[in-house]
């Protein structure tokens, strides 16, 4: 029987990101076997010195400093980086979260809630933060709005008598004090979001009514123990780990490294108290939207909305488009589809039951709506969401144009 190959894992398990990645690595190892792991939560300066003695064949590591990457390259051992911190990035094969897509998801999240004032808070010296801020600002700009990026030295000064703190906090406090409200703040991770909530409360601001906050990582410790429970984008960390292990196996086998990092799309935004608010100036539209979302889109039509407002159908249509950029029907359908996506990715309920729970008359109607939006049937979406490869509407449209044999919604009528 062949001896298992020695693989070193270096990851900080204090954070949810690392723990999820390690679970994904474990999943790969259970499926394929043949590895003997040696795990460390710290990376010592001379961490490569024992590689030859222990016949280490591969490494999966969170690179924090450039010298760590240099030591790995000098060792000649196959290695995969799972931490997108360095800018410029380390010259190692890598599997990362898609940070630009994460920023775009955050922008869509706040735009759907009617916000018009936006800020991004992050760590300017870390690449993942830079990219998340860039994706957020670009998507906000596409919608016709401006996003303030902080820290931005010299742009914001804290209020007179404000707390003394590090430069990042001084910038956050200055931005929170001076920017128009209601303000939507996207933070590079949950740690930054927790600090932002703390600073907002210290300034006497109401979270989420005056300042809504969204983080990244869905780290339950940070999210639940914050002064206000944190909303957060959940990354597909298990898939990052699985793909990192799969890439390492290829490198150990002598296959060439991919020229660019493998990027894994974020899964979803989890709403908790810190962003559970609608920033709509139009009270009639806000009440209608709240009704739609409270019902999850189930068994709702435009007539139901009209019965809860004093508006005519034409006025409701015009005011919805002005406030949200879409019609009442489109908002109902959007909420129905979002609920269906959640049920497909989180449960094993048959498609016909999910269709009924989300306000669709039959599974065929749900399949058609899915195909029109993202180019997948519900069953295909379920499979891909659990492997972290669900396309965006834009990428699906591109794929459909390139591949005329795209899935036919009628093929999904068989229940799961």
Foldseek 3Di string as FASTA:
>chain_A
DDAAAEEEEEAAPVFLLRVLLVLLLVVLCVVPPRYDYDYDPDQDLPNLVCCVVVVHQEYEYADDDQVVLVVVVVSVHQYEHEHQFAVVGHPHAYEYAQLLLLLLQLLVVQLQLQDQAEEEAEDVRTRSSVNSRVSNQVNSVVVPGGYHYPPDPPPFAADVVDDDDDSSLRSLNRCLVPTAWPYEYEYSALVRQLVSLVSCVVVVHDAPRTYAYEHECVGVVSQVPRPFRHKYFHANSSLSSNVRNVQSVCVSVPHDRDNDYHHFYTQHIGDGRRHPHRPFPDPLLRVLLVVLLVLLLAPDDVVVSCVVGVDDQVVQQVSCCVRNVHGSVVSSLVSLLVQLLCCLQPHLFKQQVSCNSSHHPGSLVQQVSCCQQQLDGSVVSSVCSNNRRRDHSVVSVVVCVVPVCGDDSVVRRDID
